[in-house]
PDB file of all heavy atoms in Angstrom:
ATOM      1  N   LEU A   1      96.965  57.434  13.031  1.00  0.00           N
ATOM      2  CA  LEU A   1      95.678  57.031  13.578  1.00  0.00           C
ATOM      3  C   LEU A   1      95.587  55.521  13.782  1.00  0.00           C
ATOM      4  O   LEU A   1      95.063  55.048  14.799  1.00  0.00           O
ATOM      5  CB  LEU A   1      94.551  57.493  12.653  1.00  0.00           C
ATOM      6  CG  LEU A   1      94.166  58.969  12.782  1.00  0.00           C
ATOM      7  CD1 LEU A   1      93.406  59.442  11.551  1.00  0.00           C
ATOM      8  CD2 LEU A   1      93.322  59.194  14.029  1.00  0.00           C
ATOM      9  N   LEU A   2      96.085  54.763  12.830  1.00  0.00           N
ATOM     10  CA  LEU A   2      96.047  53.305  12.966  1.00  0.00           C
ATOM     11  C   LEU A   2      96.947  52.835  14.105  1.00  0.00           C
ATOM     12  O   LEU A   2      96.642  51.851  14.794  1.00  0.00           O
ATOM     13  CB  LEU A   2      96.460  52.645  11.648  1.00  0.00           C
ATOM     14  CG  LEU A   2      95.467  52.845  10.489  1.00  0.00           C
ATOM     15  CD1 LEU A   2      96.036  52.294   9.190  1.00  0.00           C
ATOM     16  CD2 LEU A   2      94.124  52.185  10.806  1.00  0.00           C
ATOM     17  N   PHE A   3      98.054  53.554  14.323  1.00  0.00           N
ATOM     18  CA  PHE A   3      98.943  53.243  15.448  1.00  0.00           C
ATOM     19  C   PHE A   3      98.227  53.506  16.773  1.00  0.00           C
ATOM     20  O   PHE A   3      98.279  52.684  17.706  1.00  0.00           O
ATOM     21  CB  PHE A   3     100.213  54.081  15.362  1.00  0.00           C
ATOM     22  CG  PHE A   3     101.120  53.949  16.560  1.00  0.00           C
ATOM     23  CD1 PHE A   3     101.855  52.792  16.754  1.00  0.00           C
ATOM     24  CD2 PHE A   3     101.221  54.977  17.486  1.00  0.00           C
ATOM     25  CE1 PHE A   3     102.694  52.659  17.868  1.00  0.00           C
ATOM     26  CE2 PHE A   3     102.043  54.859  18.595  1.00  0.00           C
ATOM     27  CZ  PHE A   3     102.783  53.701  18.783  1.00  0.00           C
ATOM     28  N   ILE A   4      97.538  54.650  16.854  1.00  0.00           N
ATOM     29  CA  ILE A   4      96.788  54.968  18.075  1.00  0.00           C
ATOM     30  C   ILE A   4      95.655  53.965  18.281  1.00  0.00           C
ATOM     31  O   ILE A   4      95.378  53.544  19.403  1.00  0.00           O
ATOM     32  CB  ILE A   4      96.238  56.403  17.988  1.00  0.00           C
ATOM     33  CG1 ILE A   4      97.397  57.409  18.020  1.00  0.00           C
ATOM     34  CG2 ILE A   4      95.270  56.687  19.131  1.00  0.00           C
ATOM     35  CD1 ILE A   4      96.972  58.846  17.841  1.00  0.00           C
ATOM     36  N   ALA A   5      94.985  53.581  17.166  1.00  0.00           N
ATOM     37  CA  ALA A   5      93.918  52.588  17.262  1.00  0.00           C
ATOM     38  C   ALA A   5      94.449  51.265  17.804  1.00  0.00           C
ATOM     39  O   ALA A   5      93.788  50.591  18.604  1.00  0.00           O
ATOM     40  CB  ALA A   5      93.284  52.379  15.885  1.00  0.00           C
ATOM     41  N   HIS A   6      95.639  50.884  17.382  1.00  0.00           N
ATOM     42  CA  HIS A   6      96.256  49.640  17.842  1.00  0.00           C
ATOM     43  C   HIS A   6      96.493  49.659  19.348  1.00  0.00           C
ATOM     44  O   HIS A   6      96.363  48.632  20.024  1.00  0.00           O
ATOM     45  CB  HIS A   6      97.575  49.421  17.102  1.00  0.00           C
ATOM     46  CG  HIS A   6      98.324  48.198  17.551  1.00  0.00           C
ATOM     47  ND1 HIS A   6      97.893  46.909  17.288  1.00  0.00           N
ATOM     48  CD2 HIS A   6      99.484  48.066  18.262  1.00  0.00           C
ATOM     49  CE1 HIS A   6      98.735  46.043  17.810  1.00  0.00           C
ATOM     50  NE2 HIS A   6      99.703  46.714  18.414  1.00  0.00           N
ATOM     51  N   LYS A   7      96.800  50.827  19.893  1.00  0.00           N
ATOM     52  CA  LYS A   7      97.090  50.953  21.314  1.00  0.00           C
ATOM     53  C   LYS A   7      95.825  51.181  22.149  1.00  0.00           C
ATOM     54  O   LYS A   7      95.881  51.099  23.368  1.00  0.00           O
ATOM     55  CB  LYS A   7      98.062  52.118  21.547  1.00  0.00           C
ATOM     56  CG  LYS A   7      99.445  51.887  20.944  1.00  0.00           C
ATOM     57  CD  LYS A   7     100.309  53.128  21.066  1.00  0.00           C
ATOM     58  CE  LYS A   7     100.582  53.476  22.511  1.00  0.00           C
ATOM     59  NZ  LYS A   7     101.449  54.673  22.655  1.00  0.00           N
ATOM     60  N   SER A   8      94.705  51.500  21.479  1.00  0.00           N
ATOM     61  CA  SER A   8      93.467  51.800  22.194  1.00  0.00           C
ATOM     62  C   SER A   8      92.632  50.535  22.390  1.00  0.00           C
ATOM     63  O   SER A   8      92.945  49.465  21.858  1.00  0.00           O
ATOM     64  CB  SER A   8      92.658  52.849  21.425  1.00  0.00           C
ATOM     65  OG  SER A   8      93.413  54.026  21.218  1.00  0.00           O
ATOM     66  N   THR A   9      91.556  50.688  23.136  1.00  0.00           N
ATOM     67  CA  THR A   9      90.663  49.557  23.384  1.00  0.00           C
ATOM     68  C   THR A   9      89.210  50.007  23.220  1.00  0.00           C
ATOM     69  O   THR A   9      88.909  51.197  23.208  1.00  0.00           O
ATOM     70  CB  THR A   9      90.844  49.009  24.815  1.00  0.00           C
ATOM     71  OG1 THR A   9      90.607  50.067  25.761  1.00  0.00           O
ATOM     72  CG2 THR A   9      92.240  48.458  25.013  1.00  0.00           C
ATOM     73  N   GLY A  10      88.315  49.043  23.102  1.00  0.00           N
ATOM     74  CA  GLY A  10      86.885  49.322  23.066  1.00  0.00           C
ATOM     75  C   GLY A  10      86.447  50.132  21.867  1.00  0.00           C
ATOM     76  O   GLY A  10      86.987  50.008  20.762  1.00  0.00           O
ATOM     77  N   GLY A  11      85.460  51.006  22.110  1.00  0.00           N
ATOM     78  CA  GLY A  11      84.896  51.806  21.038  1.00  0.00           C
ATOM     79  C   GLY A  11      85.893  52.751  20.406  1.00  0.00           C
ATOM     80  O   GLY A  11      85.838  53.016  19.200  1.00  0.00           O
ATOM     81  N   LYS A  12      86.821  53.280  21.206  1.00  0.00           N
ATOM     82  CA  LYS A  12      87.832  54.202  20.666  1.00  0.00           C
ATOM     83  C   LYS A  12      88.698  53.510  19.626  1.00  0.00           C
ATOM     84  O   LYS A  12      89.049  54.106  18.605  1.00  0.00           O
ATOM     85  CB  LYS A  12      88.696  54.755  21.796  1.00  0.00           C
ATOM     86  CG  LYS A  12      88.028  55.837  22.622  1.00  0.00           C
ATOM     87  CD  LYS A  12      89.013  56.465  23.585  1.00  0.00           C
ATOM     88  CE  LYS A  12      88.366  57.632  24.334  1.00  0.00           C
ATOM     89  NZ  LYS A  12      89.334  58.278  25.259  1.00  0.00           N
ATOM     90  N   LYS A  13      89.067  52.270  19.895  1.00  0.00           N
ATOM     91  CA  LYS A  13      89.899  51.519  18.953  1.00  0.00           C
ATOM     92  C   LYS A  13      89.204  51.426  17.597  1.00  0.00           C
ATOM     93  O   LYS A  13      89.813  51.664  16.550  1.00  0.00           O
ATOM     94  CB  LYS A  13      90.158  50.116  19.508  1.00  0.00           C
ATOM     95  CG  LYS A  13      91.043  49.230  18.632  1.00  0.00           C
ATOM     96  CD  LYS A  13      91.144  47.844  19.235  1.00  0.00           C
ATOM     97  CE  LYS A  13      92.107  46.964  18.463  1.00  0.00           C
ATOM     98  NZ  LYS A  13      93.505  47.321  18.699  1.00  0.00           N
ATOM     99  N   PHE A  14      87.926  51.110  17.627  1.00  0.00           N
ATOM    100  CA  PHE A  14      87.136  50.962  16.404  1.00  0.00           C
ATOM    101  C   PHE A  14      87.028  52.288  15.654  1.00  0.00           C
ATOM    102  O   PHE A  14      87.193  52.353  14.433  1.00  0.00           O
ATOM    103  CB  PHE A  14      85.747  50.432  16.775  1.00  0.00           C
ATOM    104  CG  PHE A  14      84.854  50.182  15.599  1.00  0.00           C
ATOM    105  CD1 PHE A  14      84.986  49.042  14.828  1.00  0.00           C
ATOM    106  CD2 PHE A  14      83.877  51.110  15.268  1.00  0.00           C
ATOM    107  CE1 PHE A  14      84.159  48.817  13.739  1.00  0.00           C
ATOM    108  CE2 PHE A  14      83.041  50.884  14.187  1.00  0.00           C
ATOM    109  CZ  PHE A  14      83.189  49.740  13.427  1.00  0.00           C
ATOM    110  N   ARG A  15      86.749  53.367  16.397  1.00  0.00           N
ATOM    111  CA  ARG A  15      86.551  54.677  15.756  1.00  0.00           C
ATOM    112  C   ARG A  15      87.856  55.234  15.199  1.00  0.00           C
ATOM    113  O   ARG A  15      87.881  55.808  14.106  1.00  0.00           O
ATOM    114  CB  ARG A  15      85.923  55.653  16.747  1.00  0.00           C
ATOM    115  CG  ARG A  15      84.482  55.297  17.102  1.00  0.00           C
ATOM    116  CD  ARG A  15      83.793  56.447  17.806  1.00  0.00           C
ATOM    117  NE  ARG A  15      84.374  56.717  19.113  1.00  0.00           N
ATOM    118  CZ  ARG A  15      83.972  56.133  20.235  1.00  0.00           C
ATOM    119  NH1 ARG A  15      83.006  55.234  20.207  1.00  0.00           N
ATOM    120  NH2 ARG A  15      84.526  56.457  21.384  1.00  0.00           N
ATOM    121  N   TYR A  16      88.951  55.104  15.950  1.00  0.00           N
ATOM    122  CA  TYR A  16      90.248  55.586  15.443  1.00  0.00           C
ATOM    123  C   TYR A  16      90.640  54.833  14.169  1.00  0.00           C
ATOM    124  O   TYR A  16      91.174  55.428  13.227  1.00  0.00           O
ATOM    125  CB  TYR A  16      91.340  55.402  16.508  1.00  0.00           C
ATOM    126  CG  TYR A  16      91.251  56.363  17.669  1.00  0.00           C
ATOM    127  CD1 TYR A  16      91.767  56.024  18.918  1.00  0.00           C
ATOM    128  CD2 TYR A  16      90.652  57.609  17.520  1.00  0.00           C
ATOM    129  CE1 TYR A  16      91.685  56.905  19.992  1.00  0.00           C
ATOM    130  CE2 TYR A  16      90.575  58.492  18.584  1.00  0.00           C
ATOM    131  CZ  TYR A  16      91.098  58.130  19.822  1.00  0.00           C
ATOM    132  OH  TYR A  16      91.024  59.001  20.878  1.00  0.00           O
ATOM    133  N   ALA A  17      90.370  53.537  14.163  1.00  0.00           N
ATOM    134  CA  ALA A  17      90.684  52.743  12.968  1.00  0.00           C
ATOM    135  C   ALA A  17      89.855  53.212  11.778  1.00  0.00           C
ATOM    136  O   ALA A  17      90.357  53.308  10.649  1.00  0.00           O
ATOM    137  CB  ALA A  17      90.436  51.263  13.247  1.00  0.00           C
ATOM    138  N   ALA A  18      88.572  53.520  12.016  1.00  0.00           N
ATOM    139  CA  ALA A  18      87.696  53.983  10.932  1.00  0.00           C
ATOM    140  C   ALA A  18      88.173  55.308  10.364  1.00  0.00           C
ATOM    141  O   ALA A  18      88.207  55.504   9.143  1.00  0.00           O
ATOM    142  CB  ALA A  18      86.267  54.112  11.440  1.00  0.00           C
ATOM    143  N   VAL A  19      88.565  56.228  11.233  1.00  0.00           N
ATOM    144  CA  VAL A  19      89.071  57.532  10.766  1.00  0.00           C
ATOM    145  C   VAL A  19      90.394  57.351  10.040  1.00  0.00           C
ATOM    146  O   VAL A  19      90.653  57.997   9.006  1.00  0.00           O
ATOM    147  CB  VAL A  19      89.218  58.511  11.950  1.00  0.00           C
ATOM    148  CG1 VAL A  19      89.829  59.825  11.484  1.00  0.00           C
ATOM    149  CG2 VAL A  19      87.867  58.785  12.597  1.00  0.00           C
ATOM    150  N   GLY A  20      91.255  56.462  10.553  1.00  0.00           N
ATOM    151  CA  GLY A  20      92.526  56.190   9.872  1.00  0.00           C
ATOM    152  C   GLY A  20      92.324  55.589   8.500  1.00  0.00           C
ATOM    153  O   GLY A  20      93.011  55.968   7.543  1.00  0.00           O
ATOM    154  N   LEU A  21      91.379  54.664   8.373  1.00  0.00           N
ATOM    155  CA  LEU A  21      91.081  54.061   7.073  1.00  0.00           C
ATOM    156  C   LEU A  21      90.489  55.082   6.105  1.00  0.00           C
ATOM    157  O   LEU A  21      90.701  55.001   4.893  1.00  0.00           O
ATOM    158  CB  LEU A  21      90.126  52.880   7.248  1.00  0.00           C
ATOM    159  CG  LEU A  21      90.739  51.638   7.900  1.00  0.00           C
ATOM    160  CD1 LEU A  21      89.661  50.595   8.177  1.00  0.00           C
ATOM    161  CD2 LEU A  21      91.828  51.038   7.029  1.00  0.00           C
ATOM    162  N   THR A  22      89.750  56.054   6.647  1.00  0.00           N
ATOM    163  CA  THR A  22      89.214  57.126   5.804  1.00  0.00           C
ATOM    164  C   THR A  22      90.343  57.926   5.165  1.00  0.00           C
ATOM    165  O   THR A  22      90.301  58.235   3.970  1.00  0.00           O
ATOM    166  CB  THR A  22      88.310  58.057   6.635  1.00  0.00           C
ATOM    167  OG1 THR A  22      87.232  57.301   7.173  1.00  0.00           O
ATOM    168  CG2 THR A  22      87.761  59.190   5.782  1.00  0.00           C
ATOM    169  N   SER A  23      91.364  58.262   5.950  1.00  0.00           N
ATOM    170  CA  SER A  23      92.535  58.959   5.399  1.00  0.00           C
ATOM    171  C   SER A  23      93.217  58.103   4.335  1.00  0.00           C
ATOM    172  O   SER A  23      93.675  58.618   3.310  1.00  0.00           O
ATOM    173  CB  SER A  23      93.536  59.295   6.513  1.00  0.00           C
ATOM    174  OG  SER A  23      93.057  60.334   7.321  1.00  0.00           O
ATOM    175  N   LEU A  24      93.264  56.792   4.596  1.00  0.00           N
ATOM    176  CA  LEU A  24      93.888  55.872   3.642  1.00  0.00           C
ATOM    177  C   LEU A  24      93.108  55.847   2.327  1.00  0.00           C
ATOM    178  O   LEU A  24      93.684  55.872   1.234  1.00  0.00           O
ATOM    179  CB  LEU A  24      93.943  54.470   4.256  1.00  0.00           C
ATOM    180  CG  LEU A  24      94.757  53.417   3.510  1.00  0.00           C
ATOM    181  CD1 LEU A  24      96.212  53.806   3.437  1.00  0.00           C
ATOM    182  CD2 LEU A  24      94.609  52.060   4.194  1.00  0.00           C
ATOM    183  N   VAL A  25      91.791  55.824   2.417  1.00  0.00           N
ATOM    184  CA  VAL A  25      90.945  55.836   1.214  1.00  0.00           C
ATOM    185  C   VAL A  25      91.162  57.116   0.417  1.00  0.00           C
ATOM    186  O   VAL A  25      91.297  57.090  -0.817  1.00  0.00           O
ATOM    187  CB  VAL A  25      89.454  55.694   1.611  1.00  0.00           C
ATOM    188  CG1 VAL A  25      88.538  56.034   0.432  1.00  0.00           C
ATOM    189  CG2 VAL A  25      89.171  54.278   2.084  1.00  0.00           C
ATOM    190  N   MET A  26      91.230  58.238   1.110  1.00  0.00           N
ATOM    191  CA  MET A  26      91.404  59.522   0.433  1.00  0.00           C
ATOM    192  C   MET A  26      92.738  59.590  -0.294  1.00  0.00           C
ATOM    193  O   MET A  26      92.839  60.111  -1.413  1.00  0.00           O
ATOM    194  CB  MET A  26      91.253  60.657   1.439  1.00  0.00           C
ATOM    195  CG  MET A  26      89.818  60.825   1.936  1.00  0.00           C
ATOM    196  SD  MET A  26      89.637  61.827   3.428  1.00  0.00           S
ATOM    197  CE  MET A  26      90.154  63.427   2.852  1.00  0.00           C
ATOM    198  N   GLU A  27      93.777  59.049   0.324  1.00  0.00           N
ATOM    199  CA  GLU A  27      95.087  59.094  -0.332  1.00  0.00           C
ATOM    200  C   GLU A  27      95.131  58.157  -1.547  1.00  0.00           C
ATOM    201  O   GLU A  27      95.721  58.497  -2.576  1.00  0.00           O
ATOM    202  CB  GLU A  27      96.195  58.743   0.661  1.00  0.00           C
ATOM    203  CG  GLU A  27      96.320  57.269   1.000  1.00  0.00           C
ATOM    204  CD  GLU A  27      97.283  57.002   2.134  1.00  0.00           C
ATOM    205  OE1 GLU A  27      97.196  57.658   3.193  1.00  0.00           O
ATOM    206  OE2 GLU A  27      98.137  56.114   1.962  1.00  0.00           O
ATOM    207  N   VAL A  28      94.483  56.989  -1.456  1.00  0.00           N
ATOM    208  CA  VAL A  28      94.463  56.049  -2.581  1.00  0.00           C
ATOM    209  C   VAL A  28      93.759  56.665  -3.786  1.00  0.00           C
ATOM    210  O   VAL A  28      94.251  56.598  -4.926  1.00  0.00           O
ATOM    211  CB  VAL A  28      93.772  54.731  -2.169  1.00  0.00           C
ATOM    212  CG1 VAL A  28      93.490  53.869  -3.399  1.00  0.00           C
ATOM    213  CG2 VAL A  28      94.642  53.957  -1.185  1.00  0.00           C
ATOM    214  N   PHE A  29      92.610  57.308  -3.527  1.00  0.00           N
ATOM    215  CA  PHE A  29      91.872  57.901  -4.639  1.00  0.00           C
ATOM    216  C   PHE A  29      92.551  59.157  -5.171  1.00  0.00           C
ATOM    217  O   PHE A  29      92.370  59.512  -6.335  1.00  0.00           O
ATOM    218  CB  PHE A  29      90.433  58.188  -4.220  1.00  0.00           C
ATOM    219  CG  PHE A  29      89.546  56.981  -4.292  1.00  0.00           C
ATOM    220  CD1 PHE A  29      89.479  56.081  -3.241  1.00  0.00           C
ATOM    221  CD2 PHE A  29      88.792  56.731  -5.426  1.00  0.00           C
ATOM    222  CE1 PHE A  29      88.671  54.956  -3.315  1.00  0.00           C
ATOM    223  CE2 PHE A  29      87.979  55.605  -5.517  1.00  0.00           C
ATOM    224  CZ  PHE A  29      87.923  54.711  -4.458  1.00  0.00           C
ATOM    225  N   LEU A  30      93.338  59.808  -4.334  1.00  0.00           N
ATOM    226  CA  LEU A  30      94.132  60.939  -4.823  1.00  0.00           C
ATOM    227  C   LEU A  30      95.226  60.445  -5.769  1.00  0.00           C
ATOM    228  O   LEU A  30      95.561  61.117  -6.755  1.00  0.00           O
ATOM    229  CB  LEU A  30      94.743  61.694  -3.637  1.00  0.00           C
ATOM    230  CG  LEU A  30      95.365  63.067  -3.922  1.00  0.00           C
ATOM    231  CD1 LEU A  30      94.356  63.992  -4.599  1.00  0.00           C
ATOM    232  CD2 LEU A  30      95.876  63.683  -2.637  1.00  0.00           C
ATOM    233  N   ILE A  31      95.771  59.277  -5.486  1.00  0.00           N
ATOM    234  CA  ILE A  31      96.750  58.666  -6.401  1.00  0.00           C
ATOM    235  C   ILE A  31      96.096  58.357  -7.746  1.00  0.00           C
ATOM    236  O   ILE A  31      96.676  58.620  -8.808  1.00  0.00           O
ATOM    237  CB  ILE A  31      97.342  57.382  -5.767  1.00  0.00           C
ATOM    238  CG1 ILE A  31      98.196  57.743  -4.547  1.00  0.00           C
ATOM    239  CG2 ILE A  31      98.179  56.616  -6.794  1.00  0.00           C
ATOM    240  CD1 ILE A  31      98.637  56.539  -3.742  1.00  0.00           C
ATOM    241  N   PHE A  32      94.880  57.818  -7.685  1.00  0.00           N
ATOM    242  CA  PHE A  32      94.145  57.562  -8.939  1.00  0.00           C
ATOM    243  C   PHE A  32      93.943  58.854  -9.728  1.00  0.00           C
ATOM    244  O   PHE A  32      94.018  58.865 -10.960  1.00  0.00           O
ATOM    245  CB  PHE A  32      92.787  56.930  -8.639  1.00  0.00           C
ATOM    246  CG  PHE A  32      92.849  55.543  -8.071  1.00  0.00           C
ATOM    247  CD1 PHE A  32      91.783  55.011  -7.360  1.00  0.00           C
ATOM    248  CD2 PHE A  32      93.972  54.750  -8.261  1.00  0.00           C
ATOM    249  CE1 PHE A  32      91.837  53.735  -6.840  1.00  0.00           C
ATOM    250  CE2 PHE A  32      94.040  53.457  -7.747  1.00  0.00           C
ATOM    251  CZ  PHE A  32      92.976  52.953  -7.028  1.00  0.00           C
ATOM    252  N   GLN A  33      93.703  59.955  -9.008  1.00  0.00           N
ATOM    253  CA  GLN A  33      93.471  61.240  -9.660  1.00  0.00           C
ATOM    254  C   GLN A  33      94.717  61.713 -10.404  1.00  0.00           C
ATOM    255  O   GLN A  33      94.618  62.349 -11.460  1.00  0.00           O
ATOM    256  CB  GLN A  33      93.061  62.285  -8.625  1.00  0.00           C
ATOM    257  CG  GLN A  33      92.540  63.585  -9.213  1.00  0.00           C
ATOM    258  CD  GLN A  33      91.149  63.454  -9.802  1.00  0.00           C
ATOM    259  OE1 GLN A  33      90.207  63.119  -9.099  1.00  0.00           O
ATOM    260  NE2 GLN A  33      91.003  63.721 -11.085  1.00  0.00           N
ATOM    261  N   ILE A  34      95.882  61.396  -9.874  1.00  0.00           N
ATOM    262  CA  ILE A  34      97.130  61.790 -10.541  1.00  0.00           C
ATOM    263  C   ILE A  34      97.249  61.129 -11.905  1.00  0.00           C
ATOM    264  O   ILE A  34      97.620  61.776 -12.894  1.00  0.00           O
ATOM    265  CB  ILE A  34      98.355  61.416  -9.659  1.00  0.00           C
ATOM    266  CG1 ILE A  34      98.379  62.278  -8.392  1.00  0.00           C
ATOM    267  CG2 ILE A  34      99.656  61.592 -10.437  1.00  0.00           C
ATOM    268  CD1 ILE A  34      99.505  61.920  -7.447  1.00  0.00           C
ATOM    269  N   PHE A  35      96.916  59.861 -11.961  1.00  0.00           N
ATOM    270  CA  PHE A  35      97.119  59.098 -13.198  1.00  0.00           C
ATOM    271  C   PHE A  35      95.994  59.292 -14.219  1.00  0.00           C
ATOM    272  O   PHE A  35      96.201  59.032 -15.412  1.00  0.00           O
ATOM    273  CB  PHE A  35      97.280  57.608 -12.878  1.00  0.00           C
ATOM    274  CG  PHE A  35      98.538  57.298 -12.139  1.00  0.00           C
ATOM    275  CD1 PHE A  35      98.518  56.970 -10.786  1.00  0.00           C
ATOM    276  CD2 PHE A  35      99.761  57.345 -12.794  1.00  0.00           C
ATOM    277  CE1 PHE A  35      99.685  56.688 -10.103  1.00  0.00           C
ATOM    278  CE2 PHE A  35     100.942  57.055 -12.109  1.00  0.00           C
ATOM    279  CZ  PHE A  35     100.907  56.739 -10.768  1.00  0.00           C
ATOM    280  N   ASP A  36      94.816  59.726 -13.741  1.00  0.00           N
ATOM    281  CA  ASP A  36      93.704  59.891 -14.683  1.00  0.00           C
ATOM    282  C   ASP A  36      92.874  61.093 -14.268  1.00  0.00           C
ATOM    283  O   ASP A  36      91.969  60.991 -13.437  1.00  0.00           O
ATOM    284  CB  ASP A  36      92.840  58.630 -14.704  1.00  0.00           C
ATOM    285  CG  ASP A  36      91.777  58.687 -15.808  1.00  0.00           C
ATOM    286  OD1 ASP A  36      91.749  59.689 -16.555  1.00  0.00           O
ATOM    287  OD2 ASP A  36      90.993  57.727 -15.912  1.00  0.00           O
ATOM    288  N   ASP A  37      93.181  62.257 -14.859  1.00  0.00           N
ATOM    289  CA  ASP A  37      92.452  63.474 -14.495  1.00  0.00           C
ATOM    290  C   ASP A  37      91.108  63.571 -15.211  1.00  0.00           C
ATOM    291  O   ASP A  37      90.357  64.534 -15.016  1.00  0.00           O
ATOM    292  CB  ASP A  37      93.288  64.725 -14.770  1.00  0.00           C
ATOM    293  CG  ASP A  37      93.773  64.802 -16.208  1.00  0.00           C
ATOM    294  OD1 ASP A  37      93.098  64.281 -17.103  1.00  0.00           O
ATOM    295  OD2 ASP A  37      94.850  65.389 -16.435  1.00  0.00           O
ATOM    296  N   ALA A  38      90.780  62.586 -16.047  1.00  0.00           N
ATOM    297  CA  ALA A  38      89.494  62.584 -16.748  1.00  0.00           C
ATOM    298  C   ALA A  38      88.413  61.867 -15.948  1.00  0.00           C
ATOM    299  O   ALA A  38      87.284  61.726 -16.419  1.00  0.00           O
ATOM    300  CB  ALA A  38      89.642  61.923 -18.127  1.00  0.00           C
ATOM    301  N   TYR A  39      88.754  61.421 -14.728  1.00  0.00           N
ATOM    302  CA  TYR A  39      87.795  60.708 -13.893  1.00  0.00           C
ATOM    303  C   TYR A  39      87.800  61.345 -12.501  1.00  0.00           C
ATOM    304  O   TYR A  39      88.868  61.643 -11.955  1.00  0.00           O
ATOM    305  CB  TYR A  39      88.169  59.234 -13.804  1.00  0.00           C
ATOM    306  CG  TYR A  39      87.089  58.367 -13.219  1.00  0.00           C
ATOM    307  CD1 TYR A  39      86.007  57.948 -13.990  1.00  0.00           C
ATOM    308  CD2 TYR A  39      87.132  57.984 -11.876  1.00  0.00           C
ATOM    309  CE1 TYR A  39      85.003  57.169 -13.447  1.00  0.00           C
ATOM    310  CE2 TYR A  39      86.134  57.199 -11.328  1.00  0.00           C
ATOM    311  CZ  TYR A  39      85.070  56.801 -12.131  1.00  0.00           C
ATOM    312  OH  TYR A  39      84.065  56.030 -11.587  1.00  0.00           O
ATOM    313  N   PRO A  40      86.638  61.571 -11.882  1.00  0.00           N
ATOM    314  CA  PRO A  40      86.567  62.261 -10.576  1.00  0.00           C
ATOM    315  C   PRO A  40      86.937  61.361  -9.404  1.00  0.00           C
ATOM    316  O   PRO A  40      86.134  61.114  -8.500  1.00  0.00           O
ATOM    317  CB  PRO A  40      85.100  62.703 -10.509  1.00  0.00           C
ATOM    318  CG  PRO A  40      84.366  61.660 -11.268  1.00  0.00           C
ATOM    319  CD  PRO A  40      85.288  61.251 -12.404  1.00  0.00           C
ATOM    320  N   SER A  41      88.154  60.879  -9.397  1.00  0.00           N
ATOM    321  CA  SER A  41      88.576  59.905  -8.378  1.00  0.00           C
ATOM    322  C   SER A  41      88.570  60.505  -6.969  1.00  0.00           C
ATOM    323  O   SER A  41      88.115  59.870  -6.010  1.00  0.00           O
ATOM    324  CB  SER A  41      89.973  59.376  -8.704  1.00  0.00           C
ATOM    325  OG  SER A  41      89.979  58.710  -9.939  1.00  0.00           O
ATOM    326  N   TYR A  42      89.086  61.733  -6.844  1.00  0.00           N
ATOM    327  CA  TYR A  42      89.175  62.320  -5.502  1.00  0.00           C
ATOM    328  C   TYR A  42      87.781  62.558  -4.922  1.00  0.00           C
ATOM    329  O   TYR A  42      87.576  62.384  -3.713  1.00  0.00           O
ATOM    330  CB  TYR A  42      89.958  63.620  -5.552  1.00  0.00           C
ATOM    331  CG  TYR A  42      90.230  64.210  -4.183  1.00  0.00           C
ATOM    332  CD1 TYR A  42      91.007  63.523  -3.258  1.00  0.00           C
ATOM    333  CD2 TYR A  42      89.697  65.437  -3.810  1.00  0.00           C
ATOM    334  CE1 TYR A  42      91.251  64.050  -1.998  1.00  0.00           C
ATOM    335  CE2 TYR A  42      89.934  65.975  -2.554  1.00  0.00           C
ATOM    336  CZ  TYR A  42      90.707  65.279  -1.653  1.00  0.00           C
ATOM    337  OH  TYR A  42      90.940  65.797  -0.403  1.00  0.00           O
ATOM    338  N   ALA A  43      86.818  62.932  -5.782  1.00  0.00           N
ATOM    339  CA  ALA A  43      85.438  63.105  -5.311  1.00  0.00           C
ATOM    340  C   ALA A  43      84.900  61.786  -4.757  1.00  0.00           C
ATOM    341  O   ALA A  43      84.223  61.762  -3.719  1.00  0.00           O
ATOM    342  CB  ALA A  43      84.562  63.613  -6.449  1.00  0.00           C
TER     343      ALA A  43
END
């Protein structure tokens, strides 16, 4: 998504980047969930 955002322009560039960053956030918090299952990181 970030690659497509880089190649896009205007509003699409902004929206693709936002969706790509959302996936990035979800994966980071999933990593936190692996190391500490006593905290609702993925939520």
